[in-house]
Amino acid sequence: MSSTAIFNIHLVLGYVACLLAFGTYIFPRLKSMDRFRAHRVIATIHSFRFFGLVFILPGAVGNLPAGFAPFCAWGDFATGVLALAALLTVRIRPLFWSFVVAFNIVGVIDILGDYYNAVRLGLPQVAGQLGSTYIIPVLYVPMIMITHAVALYWLVRPQHSPASALAHDGFAA
């Protein structure tokens, strides 16, 4: 079986496994929380995205296609810093929400750009060069993409009860 086929199987099954785990264990818990707390949990998950810098760490990965690693590394880093900024501003709700929107938009653009660059530059053909970082695209990326989708949906979805939601989120006096 080719490297490309194995990588694609891993990627698809990574999404399936993450969707099953998320739907069974994480999503029910997040749904039971108010919007602020749920987004705070999601921001915590994304605050670890700084480790995407490993793609430009000399010796950490093999010879990846030129141009793939920098976009991937810096996009993850920017998303992680924005998520950390959201967590650091939880007491200043308007600022918190601005960072939540920012890290989700930057994060989705990063992941979609990484997928585009991976296909365009032939990463699946040399996926073995990822070494120990192979787990990032096949397990971690599906989970963070799922959490981005949920977070963005919740950001644009209207609240069920505006008065109680505002009170829970701290916007009301």
Protein backbone atom coordinates (compact mmCIF):
# COMPACT_ATOMS: atom_id res chain seq x y z
CA MET A 1 0.00 0.00 0.00
CA SER A 2 1.31 3.46 -0.85
CA SER A 3 2.28 6.11 1.67
CA THR A 4 -0.45 8.34 0.28
CA ALA A 5 -3.12 5.68 0.79
CA ILE A 6 -1.97 4.94 4.33
CA PHE A 7 -1.86 8.64 5.23
CA ASN A 8 -5.33 9.25 3.79
CA ILE A 9 -6.76 6.22 5.62
CA HIS A 10 -5.21 7.47 8.85
CA LEU A 11 -6.59 10.95 8.27
CA VAL A 12 -10.15 9.76 7.54
CA LEU A 13 -10.15 7.28 10.44
CA GLY A 14 -8.71 10.01 12.67
CA TYR A 15 -11.74 12.14 11.90
CA VAL A 16 -14.11 9.21 12.47
CA ALA A 17 -12.52 8.30 15.82
CA CYS A 18 -12.38 11.92 16.96
CA LEU A 19 -16.00 12.54 15.96
CA LEU A 20 -17.08 9.44 17.88
CA ALA A 21 -15.05 10.37 20.96
CA PHE A 22 -16.10 14.01 20.78
CA GLY A 23 -19.76 13.15 20.31
CA THR A 24 -19.78 10.62 23.13
CA TYR A 25 -17.60 12.22 25.80
CA ILE A 26 -16.85 15.88 25.09
CA PHE A 27 -19.83 17.39 23.25
CA PRO A 28 -22.46 16.38 25.84
CA ARG A 29 -20.38 18.00 28.57
CA LEU A 30 -19.80 21.17 26.53
CA LYS A 31 -23.53 21.41 25.72
CA SER A 32 -24.35 21.28 29.43
CA MET A 33 -22.20 24.37 30.07
CA ASP A 34 -23.06 27.98 29.43
CA ARG A 35 -21.52 29.43 26.28
CA PHE A 36 -18.70 31.23 28.08
CA ARG A 37 -17.49 28.12 29.92
CA ALA A 38 -17.73 25.95 26.81
CA HIS A 39 -15.66 28.41 24.78
CA ARG A 40 -13.17 28.60 27.62
CA VAL A 41 -12.70 24.80 27.44
CA ILE A 42 -12.23 25.00 23.66
CA ALA A 43 -9.72 27.84 24.08
CA THR A 44 -7.81 25.69 26.55
CA ILE A 45 -7.58 22.87 24.00
CA HIS A 46 -6.29 25.29 21.37
CA SER A 47 -3.85 27.00 23.73
CA PHE A 48 -1.49 24.07 23.10
CA ARG A 49 -1.24 24.86 19.39
CA PHE A 50 2.10 26.57 20.00
CA PHE A 51 3.69 23.15 19.64
CA GLY A 52 3.07 23.36 15.88
CA LEU A 53 6.42 25.15 15.83
CA VAL A 54 7.91 21.63 15.95
CA PHE A 55 7.56 21.56 12.15
CA ILE A 56 10.33 24.15 11.84
CA LEU A 57 12.48 22.75 14.65
CA PRO A 58 15.68 21.43 13.06
CA GLY A 59 15.88 17.65 13.34
CA ALA A 60 12.30 17.14 14.54
CA VAL A 61 10.94 16.12 11.15
CA GLY A 62 12.55 14.81 7.99
CA ASN A 63 12.54 16.50 4.60
CA LEU A 64 9.06 17.89 4.19
CA PRO A 65 8.01 19.55 0.94
CA ALA A 66 9.40 23.08 0.76
CA GLY A 67 6.89 25.65 1.94
CA PHE A 68 4.73 23.31 4.00
CA ALA A 69 6.37 23.61 7.42
CA PRO A 70 6.53 27.41 7.84
CA PHE A 71 2.85 28.06 7.07
CA CYS A 72 1.81 25.16 9.28
CA ALA A 73 4.09 26.11 12.17
CA TRP A 74 3.32 29.82 12.26
CA GLY A 75 -0.42 29.32 11.74
CA ASP A 76 -0.53 26.96 14.71
CA PHE A 77 1.59 29.32 16.77
CA ALA A 78 -0.66 32.30 16.01
CA THR A 79 -3.77 30.28 16.86
CA GLY A 80 -2.23 29.08 20.13
CA VAL A 81 -1.19 32.59 21.17
CA LEU A 82 -4.69 33.92 20.41
CA ALA A 83 -6.24 31.08 22.44
CA LEU A 84 -3.89 31.86 25.33
CA ALA A 85 -4.85 35.53 25.05
CA ALA A 86 -8.53 34.52 25.31
CA LEU A 87 -7.78 32.55 28.47
CA LEU A 88 -5.81 35.44 29.96
CA THR A 89 -8.70 37.86 29.36
CA VAL A 90 -11.58 35.84 30.83
CA ARG A 91 -12.35 38.65 33.29
CA ILE A 92 -12.69 41.17 30.45
CA ARG A 93 -15.53 39.53 28.53
CA PRO A 94 -15.58 41.71 25.38
CA LEU A 95 -11.85 41.12 24.95
CA PHE A 96 -12.26 37.39 25.68
CA TRP A 97 -14.93 37.08 23.00
CA SER A 98 -12.78 38.99 20.50
CA PHE A 99 -9.91 36.56 21.06
CA VAL A 100 -12.27 33.58 20.84
CA VAL A 101 -13.49 34.75 17.44
CA ALA A 102 -9.92 35.51 16.33
CA PHE A 103 -8.35 32.19 17.32
CA ASN A 104 -11.18 30.24 15.72
CA ILE A 105 -10.98 32.12 12.43
CA VAL A 106 -7.17 32.02 12.32
CA GLY A 107 -7.21 28.36 13.34
CA VAL A 108 -9.63 27.29 10.62
CA ILE A 109 -7.71 29.27 7.99
CA ASP A 110 -4.52 27.61 9.23
CA ILE A 111 -5.92 24.08 9.01
CA LEU A 112 -7.56 24.61 5.61
CA GLY A 113 -4.34 26.19 4.34
CA ASP A 114 -2.35 23.26 5.73
CA TYR A 115 -4.62 20.77 3.93
CA TYR A 116 -4.34 22.75 0.71
CA ASN A 117 -0.55 22.98 0.98
CA ALA A 118 -0.23 19.32 1.95
CA VAL A 119 -2.08 18.20 -1.18
CA ARG A 120 -0.45 20.81 -3.45
CA LEU A 121 3.07 20.03 -2.22
CA GLY A 122 2.68 16.24 -2.01
CA LEU A 123 2.92 15.75 1.77
CA PRO A 124 0.92 12.48 1.75
CA GLN A 125 3.58 10.90 -0.49
CA VAL A 126 6.29 11.65 2.09
CA ALA A 127 4.19 11.44 5.27
CA GLY A 128 6.79 9.17 6.86
CA GLN A 129 9.09 12.22 7.01
CA LEU A 130 6.83 13.63 9.71
CA GLY A 131 8.41 11.18 12.17
CA SER A 132 6.92 11.47 15.64
CA THR A 133 4.86 14.49 14.54
CA TYR A 134 2.77 12.16 12.32
CA ILE A 135 0.22 12.02 15.15
CA ILE A 136 -0.52 15.74 14.74
CA PRO A 137 -2.31 15.57 11.36
CA VAL A 138 -4.00 12.21 11.95
CA LEU A 139 -5.28 12.66 15.53
CA TYR A 140 -4.80 16.18 16.87
CA VAL A 141 -5.87 18.11 13.75
CA PRO A 142 -9.20 16.28 13.45
CA MET A 143 -10.02 17.07 17.10
CA ILE A 144 -9.10 20.74 16.83
CA MET A 145 -11.00 21.10 13.54
CA ILE A 146 -14.08 19.57 15.17
CA THR A 147 -13.80 21.97 18.11
CA HIS A 148 -13.38 24.90 15.72
CA ALA A 149 -16.55 23.86 13.88
CA VAL A 150 -18.52 23.64 17.13
CA ALA A 151 -17.10 26.92 18.44
CA LEU A 152 -17.88 28.81 15.23
CA TYR A 153 -21.38 27.35 15.10
CA TRP A 154 -22.02 28.42 18.69
CA LEU A 155 -20.62 31.89 17.97
CA VAL A 156 -23.09 32.52 15.14
CA ARG A 157 -26.06 30.59 16.55
CA PRO A 158 -28.61 32.71 18.38
CA GLN A 159 -28.96 32.17 22.11
CA HIS A 160 -32.06 30.26 23.24
CA SER A 161 -32.92 32.70 26.00
CA PRO A 162 -31.19 36.06 25.49
CA ALA A 163 -31.80 37.37 29.02
CA SER A 164 -30.44 34.30 30.79
CA ALA A 165 -27.56 33.92 28.34
CA LEU A 166 -26.50 37.52 28.88
CA ALA A 167 -26.63 37.04 32.62
CA HIS A 168 -24.51 33.87 32.42
CA ASP A 169 -21.97 35.46 30.09
CA GLY A 170 -21.56 38.52 32.27
CA PHE A 171 -22.86 41.05 29.73
CA ALA A 172 -25.85 41.96 31.88
CA ALA A 173 -25.49 43.85 35.12
